[in-house]
Amino acid sequence: MWLATGHTDMRKGFDGLAALVQDHLQRDPFSGQVFVFRGRQGRLIKVLWWDGQGLCLFSKRLERGRFVWPATAGAAAALTPAQLAMLLEGIDRRAPERTDRPRLAG
């Protein structure tokens, strides 16, 4: 899974994002890997994925808050499935906070 660092023009659809993956990230958009893009304001993300039959495009807009994005110099940052799940929930993956603390020892 790959995060496209920086911001992306969210008017892009299947073909525009696939071209970004190929030209900017230097990766194959039809490899089955997941590619995640964020808009300028940080409230909207798009996820592009080839499922073997066609491209899938998922988008999510947060009503409150912003998606946390890495400040890296490269074009893409690697992401684990757990980190993607936290990202989609709007959780800062750099400092996740547990909410299910045990009440009693033993």
C-alpha atoms as a PDB file:
ATOM      1  CA  MET A   1       0.000   0.000   0.000  1.00  0.00           C
ATOM      2  CA  TRP A   2       1.305   3.418  -0.942  1.00  0.00           C
ATOM      3  CA  LEU A   3       0.491   6.946   0.178  1.00  0.00           C
ATOM      4  CA  ALA A   4       1.087   9.626  -2.431  1.00  0.00           C
ATOM      5  CA  THR A   5       2.777  12.358  -0.401  1.00  0.00           C
ATOM      6  CA  GLY A   6       1.740  15.953  -0.864  1.00  0.00           C
ATOM      7  CA  HIS A   7      -1.707  16.831  -2.156  1.00  0.00           C
ATOM      8  CA  THR A   8      -3.547  15.658  -5.258  1.00  0.00           C
ATOM      9  CA  ASP A   9      -6.157  17.313  -7.456  1.00  0.00           C
ATOM     10  CA  MET A  10      -9.297  15.519  -6.252  1.00  0.00           C
ATOM     11  CA  ARG A  11     -11.084  16.171  -9.561  1.00  0.00           C
ATOM     12  CA  LYS A  12      -9.048  13.276 -10.975  1.00  0.00           C
ATOM     13  CA  GLY A  13     -10.828   9.984 -11.509  1.00  0.00           C
ATOM     14  CA  PHE A  14      -9.732   6.480 -12.449  1.00  0.00           C
ATOM     15  CA  ASP A  15      -7.548   7.407 -15.416  1.00  0.00           C
ATOM     16  CA  GLY A  16      -6.017  10.555 -13.904  1.00  0.00           C
ATOM     17  CA  LEU A  17      -5.034   8.805 -10.673  1.00  0.00           C
ATOM     18  CA  ALA A  18      -3.707   5.756 -12.559  1.00  0.00           C
ATOM     19  CA  ALA A  19      -1.550   8.121 -14.634  1.00  0.00           C
ATOM     20  CA  LEU A  20      -0.238   9.731 -11.422  1.00  0.00           C
ATOM     21  CA  VAL A  21       0.680   6.306 -10.059  1.00  0.00           C
ATOM     22  CA  GLN A  22       2.528   5.437 -13.246  1.00  0.00           C
ATOM     23  CA  ASP A  23       4.240   8.774 -13.939  1.00  0.00           C
ATOM     24  CA  HIS A  24       4.761  10.379 -10.524  1.00  0.00           C
ATOM     25  CA  LEU A  25       5.063   7.376  -8.191  1.00  0.00           C
ATOM     26  CA  GLN A  26       6.847   5.204 -10.797  1.00  0.00           C
ATOM     27  CA  ARG A  27       4.655   2.199  -9.942  1.00  0.00           C
ATOM     28  CA  ASP A  28       2.256  -0.035 -11.865  1.00  0.00           C
ATOM     29  CA  PRO A  29      -1.384   0.953 -11.155  1.00  0.00           C
ATOM     30  CA  PHE A  30      -2.488  -2.531 -12.297  1.00  0.00           C
ATOM     31  CA  SER A  31      -0.246  -4.432  -9.856  1.00  0.00           C
ATOM     32  CA  GLY A  32      -2.938  -5.014  -7.221  1.00  0.00           C
ATOM     33  CA  GLN A  33      -1.280  -2.600  -4.801  1.00  0.00           C
ATOM     34  CA  VAL A  34      -3.369   0.085  -3.091  1.00  0.00           C
ATOM     35  CA  PHE A  35      -2.638   3.775  -3.743  1.00  0.00           C
ATOM     36  CA  VAL A  36      -3.978   6.529  -1.459  1.00  0.00           C
ATOM     37  CA  PHE A  37      -4.265  10.222  -2.377  1.00  0.00           C
ATOM     38  CA  ARG A  38      -5.257  13.251  -0.274  1.00  0.00           C
ATOM     39  CA  GLY A  39      -6.746  16.563  -1.346  1.00  0.00           C
ATOM     40  CA  ARG A  40      -5.293  19.971  -0.556  1.00  0.00           C
ATOM     41  CA  GLN A  41      -7.537  20.664   2.459  1.00  0.00           C
ATOM     42  CA  GLY A  42      -6.916  17.227   3.967  1.00  0.00           C
ATOM     43  CA  ARG A  43     -10.588  16.351   4.359  1.00  0.00           C
ATOM     44  CA  LEU A  44     -10.877  14.099   1.294  1.00  0.00           C
ATOM     45  CA  ILE A  45      -8.949  10.987   0.305  1.00  0.00           C
ATOM     46  CA  LYS A  46      -9.220   8.658  -2.676  1.00  0.00           C
ATOM     47  CA  VAL A  47      -8.006   5.068  -2.761  1.00  0.00           C
ATOM     48  CA  LEU A  48      -7.198   3.407  -6.101  1.00  0.00           C
ATOM     49  CA  TRP A  49      -6.883  -0.368  -6.414  1.00  0.00           C
ATOM     50  CA  TRP A  50      -6.816  -2.908  -9.256  1.00  0.00           C
ATOM     51  CA  ASP A  51      -8.804  -5.996  -8.221  1.00  0.00           C
ATOM     52  CA  GLY A  52      -7.793  -8.149 -11.205  1.00  0.00           C
ATOM     53  CA  GLN A  53     -10.862  -7.235 -13.273  1.00  0.00           C
ATOM     54  CA  GLY A  54     -10.859  -3.455 -13.158  1.00  0.00           C
ATOM     55  CA  LEU A  55      -9.869  -0.368 -11.210  1.00  0.00           C
ATOM     56  CA  CYS A  56     -11.723   0.362  -7.976  1.00  0.00           C
ATOM     57  CA  LEU A  57     -11.974   3.898  -6.610  1.00  0.00           C
ATOM     58  CA  PHE A  58     -12.973   4.575  -3.011  1.00  0.00           C
ATOM     59  CA  SER A  59     -13.330   8.068  -1.607  1.00  0.00           C
ATOM     60  CA  LYS A  60     -13.991   9.363   1.881  1.00  0.00           C
ATOM     61  CA  ARG A  61     -14.611  12.871   3.191  1.00  0.00           C
ATOM     62  CA  LEU A  62     -14.319  13.669   6.875  1.00  0.00           C
ATOM     63  CA  GLU A  63     -17.018  15.924   8.266  1.00  0.00           C
ATOM     64  CA  ARG A  64     -14.699  17.070  11.076  1.00  0.00           C
ATOM     65  CA  GLY A  65     -10.934  16.999  11.285  1.00  0.00           C
ATOM     66  CA  ARG A  66      -8.323  16.174   8.686  1.00  0.00           C
ATOM     67  CA  PHE A  67      -6.561  13.056   7.455  1.00  0.00           C
ATOM     68  CA  VAL A  68      -3.036  12.885   8.917  1.00  0.00           C
ATOM     69  CA  TRP A  69      -0.469  12.759   6.130  1.00  0.00           C
ATOM     70  CA  PRO A  70       3.282  12.084   6.326  1.00  0.00           C
ATOM     71  CA  ALA A  71       5.690  14.948   5.761  1.00  0.00           C
ATOM     72  CA  THR A  72       8.203  13.044   3.650  1.00  0.00           C
ATOM     73  CA  ALA A  73      10.379  14.250   0.808  1.00  0.00           C
ATOM     74  CA  GLY A  74       9.685  11.302  -1.496  1.00  0.00           C
ATOM     75  CA  ALA A  75       6.774  10.800  -3.871  1.00  0.00           C
ATOM     76  CA  ALA A  76       5.273   7.909  -1.888  1.00  0.00           C
ATOM     77  CA  ALA A  77       5.339   6.403   1.575  1.00  0.00           C
ATOM     78  CA  ALA A  78       4.717   2.728   2.369  1.00  0.00           C
ATOM     79  CA  LEU A  79       1.674   1.907   4.457  1.00  0.00           C
ATOM     80  CA  THR A  80       0.596  -1.244   6.303  1.00  0.00           C
ATOM     81  CA  PRO A  81      -3.008  -2.491   6.247  1.00  0.00           C
ATOM     82  CA  ALA A  82      -3.374  -1.484   9.910  1.00  0.00           C
ATOM     83  CA  GLN A  83      -2.120   2.028   9.155  1.00  0.00           C
ATOM     84  CA  LEU A  84      -4.585   2.319   6.265  1.00  0.00           C
ATOM     85  CA  ALA A  85      -7.427   1.255   8.563  1.00  0.00           C
ATOM     86  CA  MET A  86      -6.427   3.940  11.090  1.00  0.00           C
ATOM     87  CA  LEU A  87      -6.121   6.517   8.317  1.00  0.00           C
ATOM     88  CA  LEU A  88      -9.625   5.733   7.051  1.00  0.00           C
ATOM     89  CA  GLU A  89     -10.949   6.183  10.587  1.00  0.00           C
ATOM     90  CA  GLY A  90      -9.250   9.576  10.887  1.00  0.00           C
ATOM     91  CA  ILE A  91      -6.811   8.320  13.547  1.00  0.00           C
ATOM     92  CA  ASP A  92      -3.278   9.707  13.688  1.00  0.00           C
ATOM     93  CA  ARG A  93      -1.242   6.540  13.065  1.00  0.00           C
ATOM     94  CA  ARG A  94       1.901   8.148  14.532  1.00  0.00           C
ATOM     95  CA  ALA A  95       0.366   8.324  18.014  1.00  0.00           C
ATOM     96  CA  PRO A  96      -2.697   6.078  18.236  1.00  0.00           C
ATOM     97  CA  GLU A  97      -4.527   6.246  21.528  1.00  0.00           C
ATOM     98  CA  ARG A  98      -5.968   3.135  23.143  1.00  0.00           C
ATOM     99  CA  THR A  99      -9.417   3.478  24.603  1.00  0.00           C
ATOM    100  CA  ASP A 100      -9.902  -0.042  26.028  1.00  0.00           C
ATOM    101  CA  ARG A 101      -7.736   0.109  29.155  1.00  0.00           C
ATOM    102  CA  PRO A 102      -8.126  -2.748  31.648  1.00  0.00           C
ATOM    103  CA  ARG A 103      -9.880  -1.715  34.858  1.00  0.00           C
ATOM    104  CA  LEU A 104      -8.644  -4.512  37.132  1.00  0.00           C
ATOM    105  CA  ALA A 105      -5.430  -6.466  37.293  1.00  0.00           C
ATOM    106  CA  GLY A 106      -5.717 -10.236  37.323  1.00  0.00           C
END
